[in-house]
């Protein structure tokens, strides 16, 4: 099933890209004795229900912490996450540093990778593109999902991203800074904390869900000192025994996450 969620906003003064649109809102000043309609357009993916609707009494499914947190790993361009995406929430109590959240970004390998694919080196990887997958960007750090939540592995940078198709199926073609080794179709890649060998994934303790789809349409700030980009804050819902999701409607899950599933009903996910 393929779907695309489109959004449209307007700006009568310019039709530049979203980055310029955001900068203009921040930087320009003036007087208009009238009204202006702001606009931009793009395509960032579809939406669908993922949570199992239960008939119950005195139970809690979507439960939120008292406060949300600052997103530490925003997408580098217009993108989205989906209801049921896993999130690591840290209230920041131990370090007294403020609450933070990190999205578990996952990518499904669309075609097996061996030492070489004909004339294509193993630094080229095809991942699924169907309107319900996270969007990759140049500069992202990715790795094969480790065999343990806190496991380590080789993480590499994405140096180019191309929208294309393979045998009539839409895919993202990624060129990587180095090989990730042999990959099988259906393997799950995740975001790495940094490029290099023996590196940890970005998310090592998924403990929350996204309660709904979130659209990220602004280019993010590169640091706390960057005032030309956006900072995102969000409040995820806490993983608990009362929350069940349809596993086949969730973003691709590494085997380490699937192993945490406590649901006794086939096709449902709970942890």
C-alpha atoms as a PDB file:
ATOM      1  CA  UNK A   1       0.000   0.000   0.000  1.00  0.00           C
ATOM      2  CA  UNK A   2       1.458   3.333  -1.022  1.00  0.00           C
ATOM      3  CA  UNK A   3       0.338   6.780   0.014  1.00  0.00           C
ATOM      4  CA  UNK A   4       1.712  10.274  -0.044  1.00  0.00           C
ATOM      5  CA  UNK A   5       0.758  13.012   2.374  1.00  0.00           C
ATOM      6  CA  UNK A   6       1.043  16.434   0.750  1.00  0.00           C
ATOM      7  CA  UNK A   7       1.054  19.774   2.480  1.00  0.00           C
ATOM      8  CA  UNK A   8       0.634  23.285   1.115  1.00  0.00           C
ATOM      9  CA  UNK A   9       1.300  26.693   2.583  1.00  0.00           C
ATOM     10  CA  UNK A  10       1.702  30.039   0.805  1.00  0.00           C
ATOM     11  CA  UNK A  11       3.883  33.104   0.584  1.00  0.00           C
ATOM     12  CA  UNK A  12       2.719  35.790  -1.882  1.00  0.00           C
ATOM     13  CA  UNK A  13       6.118  37.463  -1.688  1.00  0.00           C
ATOM     14  CA  UNK A  14       8.311  34.532  -2.660  1.00  0.00           C
ATOM     15  CA  UNK A  15       8.290  31.016  -4.050  1.00  0.00           C
ATOM     16  CA  UNK A  16      11.726  30.067  -2.785  1.00  0.00           C
ATOM     17  CA  UNK A  17      12.514  26.810  -1.018  1.00  0.00           C
ATOM     18  CA  UNK A  18      11.457  26.126   2.550  1.00  0.00           C
ATOM     19  CA  UNK A  19      14.855  27.092   3.975  1.00  0.00           C
ATOM     20  CA  UNK A  20      14.631  30.572   2.457  1.00  0.00           C
ATOM     21  CA  UNK A  21      10.984  30.822   3.507  1.00  0.00           C
ATOM     22  CA  UNK A  22      11.906  30.152   7.127  1.00  0.00           C
ATOM     23  CA  UNK A  23      14.808  32.612   7.032  1.00  0.00           C
ATOM     24  CA  UNK A  24      12.576  35.331   5.583  1.00  0.00           C
ATOM     25  CA  UNK A  25      10.089  34.898   8.382  1.00  0.00           C
ATOM     26  CA  UNK A  26      12.898  35.293  10.900  1.00  0.00           C
ATOM     27  CA  UNK A  27      14.803  38.153   9.258  1.00  0.00           C
ATOM     28  CA  UNK A  28      12.432  40.396   7.286  1.00  0.00           C
ATOM     29  CA  UNK A  29      10.410  43.182   8.842  1.00  0.00           C
ATOM     30  CA  UNK A  30       7.897  45.644   7.472  1.00  0.00           C
ATOM     31  CA  UNK A  31       4.344  46.948   7.539  1.00  0.00           C
ATOM     32  CA  UNK A  32       1.460  45.508   5.516  1.00  0.00           C
ATOM     33  CA  UNK A  33      -1.952  47.097   5.997  1.00  0.00           C
ATOM     34  CA  UNK A  34      -3.621  43.991   4.698  1.00  0.00           C
ATOM     35  CA  UNK A  35      -3.067  40.269   4.848  1.00  0.00           C
ATOM     36  CA  UNK A  36      -0.564  37.810   3.425  1.00  0.00           C
ATOM     37  CA  UNK A  37      -1.020  34.122   2.798  1.00  0.00           C
ATOM     38  CA  UNK A  38       2.155  32.105   3.340  1.00  0.00           C
ATOM     39  CA  UNK A  39       2.793  29.138   1.100  1.00  0.00           C
ATOM     40  CA  UNK A  40       5.171  26.335   0.283  1.00  0.00           C
ATOM     41  CA  UNK A  41       4.639  22.810  -0.895  1.00  0.00           C
ATOM     42  CA  UNK A  42       6.253  19.410  -0.725  1.00  0.00           C
ATOM     43  CA  UNK A  43       5.705  15.704  -0.192  1.00  0.00           C
ATOM     44  CA  UNK A  44       6.886  13.971   2.981  1.00  0.00           C
ATOM     45  CA  UNK A  45       4.899  10.730   3.250  1.00  0.00           C
ATOM     46  CA  UNK A  46       1.506   9.253   4.076  1.00  0.00           C
ATOM     47  CA  UNK A  47      -0.424   8.514   7.254  1.00  0.00           C
ATOM     48  CA  UNK A  48      -2.364   5.515   8.606  1.00  0.00           C
ATOM     49  CA  UNK A  49      -3.669   4.226  11.939  1.00  0.00           C
ATOM     50  CA  UNK A  50      -1.305   2.040  13.916  1.00  0.00           C
ATOM     51  CA  UNK A  51      -2.695   1.729  17.466  1.00  0.00           C
ATOM     52  CA  UNK A  52      -5.038  -1.171  18.294  1.00  0.00           C
ATOM     53  CA  UNK A  53      -8.365   0.162  19.559  1.00  0.00           C
ATOM     54  CA  UNK A  54      -9.296  -1.682  22.726  1.00  0.00           C
ATOM     55  CA  UNK A  55     -12.571  -1.975  24.614  1.00  0.00           C
ATOM     56  CA  UNK A  56     -11.518  -1.610  28.216  1.00  0.00           C
ATOM     57  CA  UNK A  57     -12.252  -0.034  31.564  1.00  0.00           C
ATOM     58  CA  UNK A  58      -9.764   1.580  33.910  1.00  0.00           C
ATOM     59  CA  UNK A  59      -6.761   1.042  31.635  1.00  0.00           C
ATOM     60  CA  UNK A  60      -4.353   3.522  30.118  1.00  0.00           C
ATOM     61  CA  UNK A  61      -2.920   3.323  26.608  1.00  0.00           C
ATOM     62  CA  UNK A  62      -1.466   6.636  25.460  1.00  0.00           C
ATOM     63  CA  UNK A  63       0.125   8.034  28.613  1.00  0.00           C
ATOM     64  CA  UNK A  64       2.364  11.109  28.445  1.00  0.00           C
ATOM     65  CA  UNK A  65       5.125  12.298  30.777  1.00  0.00           C
ATOM     66  CA  UNK A  66       4.632  15.589  32.583  1.00  0.00           C
ATOM     67  CA  UNK A  67       6.909  17.415  30.153  1.00  0.00           C
ATOM     68  CA  UNK A  68       8.288  16.679  26.702  1.00  0.00           C
ATOM     69  CA  UNK A  69      11.820  17.260  25.522  1.00  0.00           C
ATOM     70  CA  UNK A  70      14.039  18.767  22.865  1.00  0.00           C
ATOM     71  CA  UNK A  71      14.560  16.615  19.776  1.00  0.00           C
ATOM     72  CA  UNK A  72      18.265  15.803  19.483  1.00  0.00           C
ATOM     73  CA  UNK A  73      18.238  14.148  16.042  1.00  0.00           C
ATOM     74  CA  UNK A  74      15.912  16.094  13.734  1.00  0.00           C
ATOM     75  CA  UNK A  75      15.814  15.326  10.022  1.00  0.00           C
ATOM     76  CA  UNK A  76      18.069  17.447   7.844  1.00  0.00           C
ATOM     77  CA  UNK A  77      15.178  18.502   5.597  1.00  0.00           C
ATOM     78  CA  UNK A  78      11.410  18.165   5.149  1.00  0.00           C
ATOM     79  CA  UNK A  79      10.371  14.771   6.506  1.00  0.00           C
ATOM     80  CA  UNK A  80       8.064  13.105   8.982  1.00  0.00           C
ATOM     81  CA  UNK A  81       7.746  10.410  11.593  1.00  0.00           C
ATOM     82  CA  UNK A  82       4.725   8.194  11.964  1.00  0.00           C
ATOM     83  CA  UNK A  83       2.347   7.223  14.739  1.00  0.00           C
ATOM     84  CA  UNK A  84       3.917   4.347  16.631  1.00  0.00           C
ATOM     85  CA  UNK A  85       7.518   5.253  15.795  1.00  0.00           C
ATOM     86  CA  UNK A  86       9.759   4.410  18.722  1.00  0.00           C
ATOM     87  CA  UNK A  87      11.448   7.180  20.686  1.00  0.00           C
ATOM     88  CA  UNK A  88      14.024   7.376  23.446  1.00  0.00           C
ATOM     89  CA  UNK A  89      12.911   9.844  26.123  1.00  0.00           C
ATOM     90  CA  UNK A  90      15.263  11.132  28.796  1.00  0.00           C
ATOM     91  CA  UNK A  91      13.772  13.487  31.398  1.00  0.00           C
ATOM     92  CA  UNK A  92      17.273  14.781  32.130  1.00  0.00           C
ATOM     93  CA  UNK A  93      16.933  14.338  35.874  1.00  0.00           C
ATOM     94  CA  UNK A  94      20.265  12.628  36.542  1.00  0.00           C
ATOM     95  CA  UNK A  95      22.372  15.261  34.767  1.00  0.00           C
ATOM     96  CA  UNK A  96      19.940  18.102  35.462  1.00  0.00           C
ATOM     97  CA  UNK A  97      20.310  18.995  31.793  1.00  0.00           C
ATOM     98  CA  UNK A  98      16.727  19.223  30.600  1.00  0.00           C
ATOM     99  CA  UNK A  99      14.522  16.630  28.925  1.00  0.00           C
ATOM    100  CA  UNK A 100      15.467  15.261  25.492  1.00  0.00           C
ATOM    101  CA  UNK A 101      14.018  12.904  22.903  1.00  0.00           C
ATOM    102  CA  UNK A 102      15.609  10.898  20.092  1.00  0.00           C
ATOM    103  CA  UNK A 103      13.738   9.264  17.202  1.00  0.00           C
ATOM    104  CA  UNK A 104      14.560   5.693  16.244  1.00  0.00           C
ATOM    105  CA  UNK A 105      15.107   6.224  12.503  1.00  0.00           C
ATOM    106  CA  UNK A 106      15.020   2.978  10.539  1.00  0.00           C
ATOM    107  CA  UNK A 107      15.533   2.092   6.878  1.00  0.00           C
ATOM    108  CA  UNK A 108      14.614  -1.198   5.187  1.00  0.00           C
ATOM    109  CA  UNK A 109      17.066  -2.641   2.664  1.00  0.00           C
ATOM    110  CA  UNK A 110      15.243  -3.105  -0.650  1.00  0.00           C
ATOM    111  CA  UNK A 111      17.872  -5.203  -2.418  1.00  0.00           C
ATOM    112  CA  UNK A 112      20.596  -7.494  -1.174  1.00  0.00           C
ATOM    113  CA  UNK A 113      24.123  -6.099  -1.117  1.00  0.00           C
ATOM    114  CA  UNK A 114      27.149  -8.336  -1.544  1.00  0.00           C
ATOM    115  CA  UNK A 115      30.827  -7.426  -1.964  1.00  0.00           C
ATOM    116  CA  UNK A 116      29.833  -5.882  -5.288  1.00  0.00           C
ATOM    117  CA  UNK A 117      26.706  -5.711  -7.416  1.00  0.00           C
ATOM    118  CA  UNK A 118      27.963  -5.966 -10.994  1.00  0.00           C
ATOM    119  CA  UNK A 119      29.779  -2.674 -11.553  1.00  0.00           C
ATOM    120  CA  UNK A 120      28.097  -1.060  -8.531  1.00  0.00           C
ATOM    121  CA  UNK A 121      30.300  -1.111  -5.408  1.00  0.00           C
ATOM    122  CA  UNK A 122      28.970  -2.201  -2.020  1.00  0.00           C
ATOM    123  CA  UNK A 123      28.849   1.454  -0.978  1.00  0.00           C
ATOM    124  CA  UNK A 124      25.554   1.726  -2.897  1.00  0.00           C
ATOM    125  CA  UNK A 125      22.464   0.620  -0.971  1.00  0.00           C
ATOM    126  CA  UNK A 126      18.813   0.660  -2.034  1.00  0.00           C
ATOM    127  CA  UNK A 127      16.213   1.243   0.694  1.00  0.00           C
ATOM    128  CA  UNK A 128      12.425   1.061   0.564  1.00  0.00           C
ATOM    129  CA  UNK A 129      10.539   4.229  -0.484  1.00  0.00           C
ATOM    130  CA  UNK A 130       6.769   3.821  -0.193  1.00  0.00           C
ATOM    131  CA  UNK A 131       5.383   6.862   1.647  1.00  0.00           C
ATOM    132  CA  UNK A 132       5.630   5.180   5.052  1.00  0.00           C
ATOM    133  CA  UNK A 133       9.381   5.184   5.580  1.00  0.00           C
ATOM    134  CA  UNK A 134      11.788   7.695   7.080  1.00  0.00           C
ATOM    135  CA  UNK A 135      13.446   9.924   4.486  1.00  0.00           C
ATOM    136  CA  UNK A 136      17.258   9.765   4.242  1.00  0.00           C
ATOM    137  CA  UNK A 137      19.432  12.847   3.735  1.00  0.00           C
ATOM    138  CA  UNK A 138      22.999  13.581   2.729  1.00  0.00           C
ATOM    139  CA  UNK A 139      25.089  13.733   5.889  1.00  0.00           C
ATOM    140  CA  UNK A 140      23.021  11.149   7.779  1.00  0.00           C
ATOM    141  CA  UNK A 141      24.973   8.517   9.680  1.00  0.00           C
ATOM    142  CA  UNK A 142      23.602   4.987   9.289  1.00  0.00           C
ATOM    143  CA  UNK A 143      24.610   1.481  10.306  1.00  0.00           C
ATOM    144  CA  UNK A 144      23.281  -2.062  10.274  1.00  0.00           C
ATOM    145  CA  UNK A 145      21.193  -2.556  13.409  1.00  0.00           C
ATOM    146  CA  UNK A 146      23.442  -4.218  16.030  1.00  0.00           C
ATOM    147  CA  UNK A 147      22.542  -7.598  17.538  1.00  0.00           C
ATOM    148  CA  UNK A 148      21.947  -5.929  20.926  1.00  0.00           C
ATOM    149  CA  UNK A 149      20.209  -2.666  21.829  1.00  0.00           C
ATOM    150  CA  UNK A 150      23.441  -1.246  23.210  1.00  0.00           C
ATOM    151  CA  UNK A 151      25.622  -3.084  20.690  1.00  0.00           C
ATOM    152  CA  UNK A 152      28.145  -1.383  18.438  1.00  0.00           C
ATOM    153  CA  UNK A 153      29.107  -1.587  14.795  1.00  0.00           C
ATOM    154  CA  UNK A 154      30.399   0.289  11.770  1.00  0.00           C
ATOM    155  CA  UNK A 155      28.542   3.516  11.025  1.00  0.00           C
ATOM    156  CA  UNK A 156      29.012   5.417   7.760  1.00  0.00           C
ATOM    157  CA  UNK A 157      27.862   8.709   6.270  1.00  0.00           C
ATOM    158  CA  UNK A 158      25.376   9.107   3.431  1.00  0.00           C
ATOM    159  CA  UNK A 159      27.127  11.089   0.681  1.00  0.00           C
ATOM    160  CA  UNK A 160      24.320  11.108  -1.910  1.00  0.00           C
ATOM    161  CA  UNK A 161      20.599  10.334  -2.048  1.00  0.00           C
ATOM    162  CA  UNK A 162      18.656   9.635  -5.237  1.00  0.00           C
ATOM    163  CA  UNK A 163      14.936   9.000  -5.764  1.00  0.00           C
ATOM    164  CA  UNK A 164      14.723   6.145  -8.249  1.00  0.00           C
ATOM    165  CA  UNK A 165      13.129   2.750  -8.871  1.00  0.00           C
ATOM    166  CA  UNK A 166      14.417  -0.799  -9.107  1.00  0.00           C
ATOM    167  CA  UNK A 167      12.439  -3.352 -11.129  1.00  0.00           C
ATOM    168  CA  UNK A 168       9.475  -0.967 -11.053  1.00  0.00           C
ATOM    169  CA  UNK A 169       9.585  -0.498  -7.258  1.00  0.00           C
ATOM    170  CA  UNK A 170      10.272   2.930  -5.759  1.00  0.00           C
ATOM    171  CA  UNK A 171      13.499   3.091  -3.750  1.00  0.00           C
ATOM    172  CA  UNK A 172      16.005   5.527  -2.328  1.00  0.00           C
ATOM    173  CA  UNK A 173      19.494   4.950  -3.747  1.00  0.00           C
ATOM    174  CA  UNK A 174      22.105   5.791  -1.120  1.00  0.00           C
ATOM    175  CA  UNK A 175      25.789   6.207  -1.778  1.00  0.00           C
ATOM    176  CA  UNK A 176      27.767   5.697   1.416  1.00  0.00           C
ATOM    177  CA  UNK A 177      31.179   6.905   2.540  1.00  0.00           C
ATOM    178  CA  UNK A 178      32.214   3.274   3.153  1.00  0.00           C
ATOM    179  CA  UNK A 179      30.712  -0.174   2.880  1.00  0.00           C
ATOM    180  CA  UNK A 180      28.417  -1.660   5.505  1.00  0.00           C
ATOM    181  CA  UNK A 181      29.295  -5.135   4.306  1.00  0.00           C
ATOM    182  CA  UNK A 182      26.852  -7.747   3.041  1.00  0.00           C
ATOM    183  CA  UNK A 183      23.179  -6.908   3.556  1.00  0.00           C
ATOM    184  CA  UNK A 184      20.079  -8.992   2.859  1.00  0.00           C
ATOM    185  CA  UNK A 185      16.791  -7.728   1.494  1.00  0.00           C
ATOM    186  CA  UNK A 186      14.634  -6.750   4.463  1.00  0.00           C
ATOM    187  CA  UNK A 187      17.553  -5.979   6.773  1.00  0.00           C
ATOM    188  CA  UNK A 188      17.018  -2.889   8.909  1.00  0.00           C
ATOM    189  CA  UNK A 189      19.480  -0.023   9.047  1.00  0.00           C
ATOM    190  CA  UNK A 190      19.372   2.495  11.885  1.00  0.00           C
ATOM    191  CA  UNK A 191      20.830   5.903  12.590  1.00  0.00           C
ATOM    192  CA  UNK A 192      24.293   5.817  14.161  1.00  0.00           C
ATOM    193  CA  UNK A 193      25.521   8.153  16.880  1.00  0.00           C
ATOM    194  CA  UNK A 194      28.595   9.038  14.803  1.00  0.00           C
ATOM    195  CA  UNK A 195      30.568   7.701  11.850  1.00  0.00           C
ATOM    196  CA  UNK A 196      33.364   5.207  12.468  1.00  0.00           C
ATOM    197  CA  UNK A 197      34.001   1.685  13.696  1.00  0.00           C
ATOM    198  CA  UNK A 198      32.640   0.308  16.963  1.00  0.00           C
ATOM    199  CA  UNK A 199      29.992   3.013  17.240  1.00  0.00           C
ATOM    200  CA  UNK A 200      26.667   2.860  19.073  1.00  0.00           C
ATOM    201  CA  UNK A 201      23.288   3.539  17.468  1.00  0.00           C
ATOM    202  CA  UNK A 202      21.625   6.892  18.075  1.00  0.00           C
ATOM    203  CA  UNK A 203      18.868   5.179  20.076  1.00  0.00           C
ATOM    204  CA  UNK A 204      19.846   2.495  22.605  1.00  0.00           C
ATOM    205  CA  UNK A 205      16.900   2.657  25.012  1.00  0.00           C
ATOM    206  CA  UNK A 206      13.573   3.023  23.154  1.00  0.00           C
ATOM    207  CA  UNK A 207      10.971   3.654  25.832  1.00  0.00           C
ATOM    208  CA  UNK A 208       8.253   5.728  24.169  1.00  0.00           C
ATOM    209  CA  UNK A 209       6.052   5.976  21.071  1.00  0.00           C
ATOM    210  CA  UNK A 210       5.050   8.820  18.798  1.00  0.00           C
ATOM    211  CA  UNK A 211       1.317   9.203  19.520  1.00  0.00           C
ATOM    212  CA  UNK A 212       0.629  10.548  16.032  1.00  0.00           C
ATOM    213  CA  UNK A 213       2.360  11.613  12.833  1.00  0.00           C
ATOM    214  CA  UNK A 214       4.743  14.562  13.147  1.00  0.00           C
ATOM    215  CA  UNK A 215       5.673  16.681  10.105  1.00  0.00           C
ATOM    216  CA  UNK A 216       9.091  18.351  10.142  1.00  0.00           C
ATOM    217  CA  UNK A 217       9.019  20.989   7.416  1.00  0.00           C
ATOM    218  CA  UNK A 218      11.777  23.379   8.505  1.00  0.00           C
ATOM    219  CA  UNK A 219      15.524  22.943   8.188  1.00  0.00           C
ATOM    220  CA  UNK A 220      16.902  22.304  11.688  1.00  0.00           C
ATOM    221  CA  UNK A 221      19.411  24.405  13.589  1.00  0.00           C
ATOM    222  CA  UNK A 222      22.881  22.878  13.357  1.00  0.00           C
ATOM    223  CA  UNK A 223      23.752  23.787  16.964  1.00  0.00           C
ATOM    224  CA  UNK A 224      22.520  25.777  19.944  1.00  0.00           C
ATOM    225  CA  UNK A 225      24.305  28.810  18.466  1.00  0.00           C
ATOM    226  CA  UNK A 226      22.527  28.514  15.093  1.00  0.00           C
ATOM    227  CA  UNK A 227      19.589  30.911  15.057  1.00  0.00           C
ATOM    228  CA  UNK A 228      18.704  30.417  11.377  1.00  0.00           C
ATOM    229  CA  UNK A 229      17.222  26.939  11.794  1.00  0.00           C
ATOM    230  CA  UNK A 230      14.384  25.337  13.691  1.00  0.00           C
ATOM    231  CA  UNK A 231      14.494  23.571  17.034  1.00  0.00           C
ATOM    232  CA  UNK A 232      11.867  20.906  17.643  1.00  0.00           C
ATOM    233  CA  UNK A 233      10.259  19.909  20.932  1.00  0.00           C
ATOM    234  CA  UNK A 234       7.826  17.044  21.366  1.00  0.00           C
ATOM    235  CA  UNK A 235       6.130  14.917  24.019  1.00  0.00           C
ATOM    236  CA  UNK A 236       5.998  11.184  23.250  1.00  0.00           C
ATOM    237  CA  UNK A 237       3.724   8.676  24.973  1.00  0.00           C
ATOM    238  CA  UNK A 238       5.334   6.213  27.375  1.00  0.00           C
ATOM    239  CA  UNK A 239       5.614   2.540  26.462  1.00  0.00           C
ATOM    240  CA  UNK A 240       3.460   0.532  28.860  1.00  0.00           C
ATOM    241  CA  UNK A 241       1.502  -2.683  29.129  1.00  0.00           C
ATOM    242  CA  UNK A 242      -1.734  -1.119  27.883  1.00  0.00           C
ATOM    243  CA  UNK A 243      -0.432   0.097  24.514  1.00  0.00           C
ATOM    244  CA  UNK A 244      -0.727  -2.281  21.561  1.00  0.00           C
ATOM    245  CA  UNK A 245       0.214  -1.523  17.965  1.00  0.00           C
ATOM    246  CA  UNK A 246      -0.174  -3.319  14.657  1.00  0.00           C
ATOM    247  CA  UNK A 247       3.387  -4.401  13.948  1.00  0.00           C
ATOM    248  CA  UNK A 248       3.016  -4.373  10.164  1.00  0.00           C
ATOM    249  CA  UNK A 249       1.927  -0.715  10.319  1.00  0.00           C
ATOM    250  CA  UNK A 250       4.949   0.392  12.308  1.00  0.00           C
ATOM    251  CA  UNK A 251       8.208   1.590  10.821  1.00  0.00           C
ATOM    252  CA  UNK A 252      10.647  -1.310  10.207  1.00  0.00           C
ATOM    253  CA  UNK A 253      11.794  -2.819  13.498  1.00  0.00           C
ATOM    254  CA  UNK A 254      15.264  -4.293  14.106  1.00  0.00           C
ATOM    255  CA  UNK A 255      15.264  -7.850  15.435  1.00  0.00           C
ATOM    256  CA  UNK A 256      16.450  -6.555  18.815  1.00  0.00           C
ATOM    257  CA  UNK A 257      13.244  -4.510  19.122  1.00  0.00           C
ATOM    258  CA  UNK A 258      11.035  -7.355  17.913  1.00  0.00           C
ATOM    259  CA  UNK A 259      12.542  -9.514  20.650  1.00  0.00           C
ATOM    260  CA  UNK A 260      11.061  -7.138  23.247  1.00  0.00           C
ATOM    261  CA  UNK A 261       7.496  -7.795  22.043  1.00  0.00           C
ATOM    262  CA  UNK A 262       5.351  -9.014  24.958  1.00  0.00           C
ATOM    263  CA  UNK A 263       2.108  -9.367  23.021  1.00  0.00           C
ATOM    264  CA  UNK A 264       0.588 -12.841  23.023  1.00  0.00           C
ATOM    265  CA  UNK A 265      -1.531 -11.947  19.997  1.00  0.00           C
ATOM    266  CA  UNK A 266       0.059 -12.472  16.592  1.00  0.00           C
ATOM    267  CA  UNK A 267       0.545  -9.252  14.642  1.00  0.00           C
ATOM    268  CA  UNK A 268       0.297  -6.985  17.671  1.00  0.00           C
ATOM    269  CA  UNK A 269       3.268  -5.274  19.309  1.00  0.00           C
ATOM    270  CA  UNK A 270       3.664  -4.293  22.953  1.00  0.00           C
ATOM    271  CA  UNK A 271       6.686  -3.621  25.155  1.00  0.00           C
END
